[in-house]
Amino acid sequence: MKLRPVPIISAILISSVLLFGGWFVYQNTAIKAPIEELIQGIPGIVKTDIQLDRNTVNLTLELADDAELRSIYEQINTKSKSVSGNRSVTIDLESQSSAQLDNWWSEALFPVAQAMENRQYADIPSSLNALAAGINGLKVQTEIDAKNVYIHLSDGTDHKYIVLPRTPIELGVWNNESV
């Protein structure tokens, strides 16, 4: 029996096109399009880029100058659960930062890190505002929710967004205790 290569190769090509084409259409219509639709309804988001992986949905967002960072995170996390399925949603923010904002943040990071480590979240706004008082035109906005601390730095034209995850207090038995 002689195998003919043309029908075999054409069958492989047709099945590959159908398989990967179907997967691509599914990704775009069942997952990506609904996520784009829900993000378009959130005020403060200027531009989005959505990347789908097997287990994650990666959102890269460009925000408006007056965007409410905590509200955007909250809306994306609540609305995306029904669309993303069992995939985790990660959010990356594009900042239009400057060297001055980056340098100021690197100096302000020490008291913020100390407050985060000690779970003294109320110290963050006061320490940032005290440090910003010496810089003309620098505005600092801080917000908090159960999961994150949100910081928005602005000097008029440039913006820097920082989201710091809170670590909840874990209750339970210490490692060296016996039950």
C-alpha atoms as a PDB file:
ATOM      1  CA  MET A   1       0.000   0.000   0.000  1.00  0.00           C
ATOM      2  CA  LYS A   2       1.479   3.309  -1.057  1.00  0.00           C
ATOM      3  CA  LEU A   3       0.825   6.384   1.092  1.00  0.00           C
ATOM      4  CA  ARG A   4       0.129   9.556  -0.820  1.00  0.00           C
ATOM      5  CA  PRO A   5       1.768  12.582   0.859  1.00  0.00           C
ATOM      6  CA  VAL A   6      -0.470  15.278  -0.657  1.00  0.00           C
ATOM      7  CA  PRO A   7      -3.734  14.113   0.999  1.00  0.00           C
ATOM      8  CA  ILE A   8      -1.964  13.469   4.317  1.00  0.00           C
ATOM      9  CA  ILE A   9      -0.316  16.896   4.405  1.00  0.00           C
ATOM     10  CA  SER A  10      -3.497  18.659   3.319  1.00  0.00           C
ATOM     11  CA  ALA A  11      -5.511  16.830   6.029  1.00  0.00           C
ATOM     12  CA  ILE A  12      -2.969  17.873   8.669  1.00  0.00           C
ATOM     13  CA  LEU A  13      -3.024  21.484   7.466  1.00  0.00           C
ATOM     14  CA  ILE A  14      -6.819  21.687   7.357  1.00  0.00           C
ATOM     15  CA  SER A  15      -7.230  20.161  10.819  1.00  0.00           C
ATOM     16  CA  SER A  16      -4.535  22.469  12.234  1.00  0.00           C
ATOM     17  CA  VAL A  17      -6.214  25.544  10.770  1.00  0.00           C
ATOM     18  CA  LEU A  18      -9.585  24.470  12.158  1.00  0.00           C
ATOM     19  CA  LEU A  19      -8.168  23.652  15.590  1.00  0.00           C
ATOM     20  CA  PHE A  20      -6.094  26.802  16.075  1.00  0.00           C
ATOM     21  CA  GLY A  21      -8.627  29.010  14.324  1.00  0.00           C
ATOM     22  CA  GLY A  22     -11.365  27.754  16.621  1.00  0.00           C
ATOM     23  CA  TRP A  23      -9.178  28.331  19.658  1.00  0.00           C
ATOM     24  CA  PHE A  24      -8.369  31.878  18.491  1.00  0.00           C
ATOM     25  CA  VAL A  25     -12.037  32.702  17.849  1.00  0.00           C
ATOM     26  CA  TYR A  26     -12.998  31.292  21.260  1.00  0.00           C
ATOM     27  CA  GLN A  27     -10.330  33.348  23.048  1.00  0.00           C
ATOM     28  CA  ASN A  28     -11.442  36.554  21.345  1.00  0.00           C
ATOM     29  CA  THR A  29     -15.211  36.129  21.529  1.00  0.00           C
ATOM     30  CA  ALA A  30     -15.679  34.339  24.847  1.00  0.00           C
ATOM     31  CA  ILE A  31     -12.967  35.941  26.960  1.00  0.00           C
ATOM     32  CA  LYS A  32     -11.206  38.950  25.448  1.00  0.00           C
ATOM     33  CA  ALA A  33     -14.255  40.764  24.014  1.00  0.00           C
ATOM     34  CA  PRO A  34     -16.295  40.619  27.270  1.00  0.00           C
ATOM     35  CA  ILE A  35     -13.299  41.854  29.287  1.00  0.00           C
ATOM     36  CA  GLU A  36     -12.781  44.739  26.845  1.00  0.00           C
ATOM     37  CA  GLU A  37     -16.471  45.576  27.119  1.00  0.00           C
ATOM     38  CA  LEU A  38     -16.467  45.674  30.925  1.00  0.00           C
ATOM     39  CA  ILE A  39     -13.283  47.755  31.025  1.00  0.00           C
ATOM     40  CA  GLN A  40     -14.713  50.318  28.607  1.00  0.00           C
ATOM     41  CA  GLY A  41     -17.500  50.962  31.106  1.00  0.00           C
ATOM     42  CA  ILE A  42     -15.092  51.930  33.891  1.00  0.00           C
ATOM     43  CA  PRO A  43     -14.419  55.677  34.114  1.00  0.00           C
ATOM     44  CA  GLY A  44     -10.798  56.791  34.264  1.00  0.00           C
ATOM     45  CA  ILE A  45      -9.316  54.203  31.901  1.00  0.00           C
ATOM     46  CA  VAL A  46      -7.907  55.744  28.724  1.00  0.00           C
ATOM     47  CA  LYS A  47      -6.285  52.764  27.016  1.00  0.00           C
ATOM     48  CA  THR A  48      -6.137  49.012  27.590  1.00  0.00           C
ATOM     49  CA  ASP A  49      -4.033  46.135  26.389  1.00  0.00           C
ATOM     50  CA  ILE A  50      -5.257  42.634  27.188  1.00  0.00           C
ATOM     51  CA  GLN A  51      -2.980  39.593  27.023  1.00  0.00           C
ATOM     52  CA  LEU A  52      -4.447  36.159  27.624  1.00  0.00           C
ATOM     53  CA  ASP A  53      -2.403  33.275  28.937  1.00  0.00           C
ATOM     54  CA  ARG A  54      -3.509  29.820  29.917  1.00  0.00           C
ATOM     55  CA  ASN A  55      -4.038  30.742  33.590  1.00  0.00           C
ATOM     56  CA  THR A  56      -3.954  34.548  33.642  1.00  0.00           C
ATOM     57  CA  VAL A  57      -5.496  37.618  32.092  1.00  0.00           C
ATOM     58  CA  ASN A  58      -2.912  40.422  31.991  1.00  0.00           C
ATOM     59  CA  LEU A  59      -4.354  43.927  31.764  1.00  0.00           C
ATOM     60  CA  THR A  60      -2.112  46.878  30.987  1.00  0.00           C
ATOM     61  CA  LEU A  61      -3.973  50.099  31.681  1.00  0.00           C
ATOM     62  CA  GLU A  62      -3.295  53.726  30.899  1.00  0.00           C
ATOM     63  CA  LEU A  63      -5.281  55.931  33.252  1.00  0.00           C
ATOM     64  CA  ALA A  64      -6.682  59.437  32.978  1.00  0.00           C
ATOM     65  CA  ASP A  65      -5.235  62.168  35.181  1.00  0.00           C
ATOM     66  CA  ASP A  66      -8.284  62.161  37.472  1.00  0.00           C
ATOM     67  CA  ALA A  67      -8.651  58.374  37.681  1.00  0.00           C
ATOM     68  CA  GLU A  68      -9.687  56.859  40.996  1.00  0.00           C
ATOM     69  CA  LEU A  69      -7.228  54.006  41.332  1.00  0.00           C
ATOM     70  CA  ARG A  70      -8.997  52.106  44.117  1.00  0.00           C
ATOM     71  CA  SER A  71     -12.336  52.277  42.329  1.00  0.00           C
ATOM     72  CA  ILE A  72     -10.814  50.985  39.073  1.00  0.00           C
ATOM     73  CA  TYR A  73      -9.183  48.020  40.826  1.00  0.00           C
ATOM     74  CA  GLU A  74     -12.362  47.253  42.720  1.00  0.00           C
ATOM     75  CA  GLN A  75     -14.554  47.343  39.602  1.00  0.00           C
ATOM     76  CA  ILE A  76     -12.155  45.235  37.541  1.00  0.00           C
ATOM     77  CA  ASN A  77     -11.824  42.615  40.281  1.00  0.00           C
ATOM     78  CA  THR A  78     -15.578  42.298  40.854  1.00  0.00           C
ATOM     79  CA  LYS A  79     -16.703  42.457  37.212  1.00  0.00           C
ATOM     80  CA  SER A  80     -13.976  40.248  35.735  1.00  0.00           C
ATOM     81  CA  LYS A  81     -14.767  37.224  37.907  1.00  0.00           C
ATOM     82  CA  SER A  82     -17.736  36.258  35.753  1.00  0.00           C
ATOM     83  CA  VAL A  83     -15.791  36.653  32.509  1.00  0.00           C
ATOM     84  CA  SER A  84     -12.298  35.372  33.285  1.00  0.00           C
ATOM     85  CA  GLY A  85     -13.432  32.065  34.743  1.00  0.00           C
ATOM     86  CA  ASN A  86     -10.684  30.408  36.767  1.00  0.00           C
ATOM     87  CA  ARG A  87      -7.956  32.666  35.363  1.00  0.00           C
ATOM     88  CA  SER A  88      -6.306  35.153  37.659  1.00  0.00           C
ATOM     89  CA  VAL A  89      -6.413  38.795  36.613  1.00  0.00           C
ATOM     90  CA  THR A  90      -3.244  40.878  36.907  1.00  0.00           C
ATOM     91  CA  ILE A  91      -3.262  44.628  36.399  1.00  0.00           C
ATOM     92  CA  ASP A  92      -0.243  46.626  35.270  1.00  0.00           C
ATOM     93  CA  LEU A  93      -0.416  50.406  35.204  1.00  0.00           C
ATOM     94  CA  GLU A  94       1.391  52.547  32.673  1.00  0.00           C
ATOM     95  CA  SER A  95       2.714  55.603  34.454  1.00  0.00           C
ATOM     96  CA  GLN A  96       3.784  58.778  32.755  1.00  0.00           C
ATOM     97  CA  SER A  97       6.449  59.283  35.381  1.00  0.00           C
ATOM     98  CA  SER A  98       9.426  61.604  35.426  1.00  0.00           C
ATOM     99  CA  ALA A  99      12.893  61.368  36.916  1.00  0.00           C
ATOM    100  CA  GLN A 100      11.830  63.804  39.638  1.00  0.00           C
ATOM    101  CA  LEU A 101       8.850  61.654  40.665  1.00  0.00           C
ATOM    102  CA  ASP A 102      10.938  58.479  40.560  1.00  0.00           C
ATOM    103  CA  ASN A 103      13.657  60.036  42.722  1.00  0.00           C
ATOM    104  CA  TRP A 104      11.116  61.401  45.182  1.00  0.00           C
ATOM    105  CA  TRP A 105       9.430  57.978  45.409  1.00  0.00           C
ATOM    106  CA  SER A 106      12.744  56.241  46.055  1.00  0.00           C
ATOM    107  CA  GLU A 107      13.282  58.553  49.039  1.00  0.00           C
ATOM    108  CA  ALA A 108       9.703  58.177  50.267  1.00  0.00           C
ATOM    109  CA  LEU A 109       9.844  54.413  49.969  1.00  0.00           C
ATOM    110  CA  PHE A 110      11.598  53.918  53.334  1.00  0.00           C
ATOM    111  CA  PRO A 111       8.793  55.245  55.572  1.00  0.00           C
ATOM    112  CA  VAL A 112       6.203  53.549  53.347  1.00  0.00           C
ATOM    113  CA  ALA A 113       8.006  50.216  53.561  1.00  0.00           C
ATOM    114  CA  GLN A 114       8.274  50.554  57.324  1.00  0.00           C
ATOM    115  CA  ALA A 115       4.558  51.338  57.632  1.00  0.00           C
ATOM    116  CA  MET A 116       3.677  48.400  55.381  1.00  0.00           C
ATOM    117  CA  GLU A 117       5.927  46.020  57.309  1.00  0.00           C
ATOM    118  CA  ASN A 118       4.453  47.090  60.657  1.00  0.00           C
ATOM    119  CA  ARG A 119       0.896  47.222  59.270  1.00  0.00           C
ATOM    120  CA  GLN A 120       0.657  50.871  60.288  1.00  0.00           C
ATOM    121  CA  TYR A 121      -1.199  51.890  57.142  1.00  0.00           C
ATOM    122  CA  ALA A 122      -2.464  55.153  58.652  1.00  0.00           C
ATOM    123  CA  ASP A 123       1.141  56.415  58.760  1.00  0.00           C
ATOM    124  CA  ILE A 124       1.494  56.283  54.963  1.00  0.00           C
ATOM    125  CA  PRO A 125      -0.569  59.374  54.018  1.00  0.00           C
ATOM    126  CA  SER A 126       0.911  61.535  56.754  1.00  0.00           C
ATOM    127  CA  SER A 127       4.522  60.602  55.964  1.00  0.00           C
ATOM    128  CA  LEU A 128       4.032  61.050  52.208  1.00  0.00           C
ATOM    129  CA  ASN A 129       2.296  64.414  52.648  1.00  0.00           C
ATOM    130  CA  ALA A 130       5.061  65.591  55.006  1.00  0.00           C
ATOM    131  CA  LEU A 131       7.715  64.634  52.450  1.00  0.00           C
ATOM    132  CA  ALA A 132       5.738  66.221  49.601  1.00  0.00           C
ATOM    133  CA  ALA A 133       5.378  69.531  51.449  1.00  0.00           C
ATOM    134  CA  GLY A 134       8.889  70.530  50.408  1.00  0.00           C
ATOM    135  CA  ILE A 135       8.283  69.898  46.702  1.00  0.00           C
ATOM    136  CA  ASN A 136       6.392  72.591  44.800  1.00  0.00           C
ATOM    137  CA  GLY A 137       3.380  71.229  42.874  1.00  0.00           C
ATOM    138  CA  LEU A 138       3.645  67.620  44.050  1.00  0.00           C
ATOM    139  CA  LYS A 139       0.296  66.075  44.909  1.00  0.00           C
ATOM    140  CA  VAL A 140      -0.052  62.778  46.768  1.00  0.00           C
ATOM    141  CA  GLN A 141      -3.281  60.793  46.917  1.00  0.00           C
ATOM    142  CA  THR A 142      -3.519  57.660  49.017  1.00  0.00           C
ATOM    143  CA  GLU A 143      -6.359  55.178  49.344  1.00  0.00           C
ATOM    144  CA  ILE A 144      -6.717  51.795  50.952  1.00  0.00           C
ATOM    145  CA  ASP A 145      -9.016  48.799  50.782  1.00  0.00           C
ATOM    146  CA  ALA A 146      -8.913  45.269  52.154  1.00  0.00           C
ATOM    147  CA  LYS A 147      -6.328  44.109  49.607  1.00  0.00           C
ATOM    148  CA  ASN A 148      -4.112  47.044  48.587  1.00  0.00           C
ATOM    149  CA  VAL A 149      -2.735  50.474  49.376  1.00  0.00           C
ATOM    150  CA  TYR A 150      -3.048  52.811  46.382  1.00  0.00           C
ATOM    151  CA  ILE A 151      -0.738  55.771  45.862  1.00  0.00           C
ATOM    152  CA  HIS A 152      -1.009  58.345  43.072  1.00  0.00           C
ATOM    153  CA  LEU A 153       1.790  60.881  42.706  1.00  0.00           C
ATOM    154  CA  SER A 154       1.340  63.853  40.393  1.00  0.00           C
ATOM    155  CA  ASP A 155       3.324  66.983  39.659  1.00  0.00           C
ATOM    156  CA  GLY A 156       0.912  68.432  37.103  1.00  0.00           C
ATOM    157  CA  THR A 157       2.052  66.777  33.886  1.00  0.00           C
ATOM    158  CA  ASP A 158       3.610  63.541  35.114  1.00  0.00           C
ATOM    159  CA  HIS A 159       1.918  60.768  37.088  1.00  0.00           C
ATOM    160  CA  LYS A 160       3.140  57.745  38.982  1.00  0.00           C
ATOM    161  CA  TYR A 161       0.802  55.008  40.223  1.00  0.00           C
ATOM    162  CA  ILE A 162       1.839  52.590  42.942  1.00  0.00           C
ATOM    163  CA  VAL A 163      -0.239  49.673  44.227  1.00  0.00           C
ATOM    164  CA  LEU A 164       1.124  47.968  47.316  1.00  0.00           C
ATOM    165  CA  PRO A 165      -0.482  44.674  48.349  1.00  0.00           C
ATOM    166  CA  ARG A 166      -1.526  44.374  51.960  1.00  0.00           C
ATOM    167  CA  THR A 167      -0.713  41.194  53.783  1.00  0.00           C
ATOM    168  CA  PRO A 168      -3.529  40.203  56.109  1.00  0.00           C
ATOM    169  CA  ILE A 169      -2.811  39.194  59.647  1.00  0.00           C
ATOM    170  CA  GLU A 170      -2.771  35.429  59.807  1.00  0.00           C
ATOM    171  CA  LEU A 171      -4.409  33.852  62.787  1.00  0.00           C
ATOM    172  CA  GLY A 172      -3.527  30.390  63.821  1.00  0.00           C
ATOM    173  CA  VAL A 173      -1.010  28.284  65.626  1.00  0.00           C
ATOM    174  CA  TRP A 174       2.601  29.405  65.673  1.00  0.00           C
ATOM    175  CA  ASN A 175       5.106  27.062  64.037  1.00  0.00           C
ATOM    176  CA  ASN A 176       6.747  26.168  67.340  1.00  0.00           C
ATOM    177  CA  GLU A 177       3.516  25.575  69.265  1.00  0.00           C
ATOM    178  CA  SER A 178       2.065  22.145  69.658  1.00  0.00           C
ATOM    179  CA  VAL A 179      -1.639  21.589  69.548  1.00  0.00           C
END
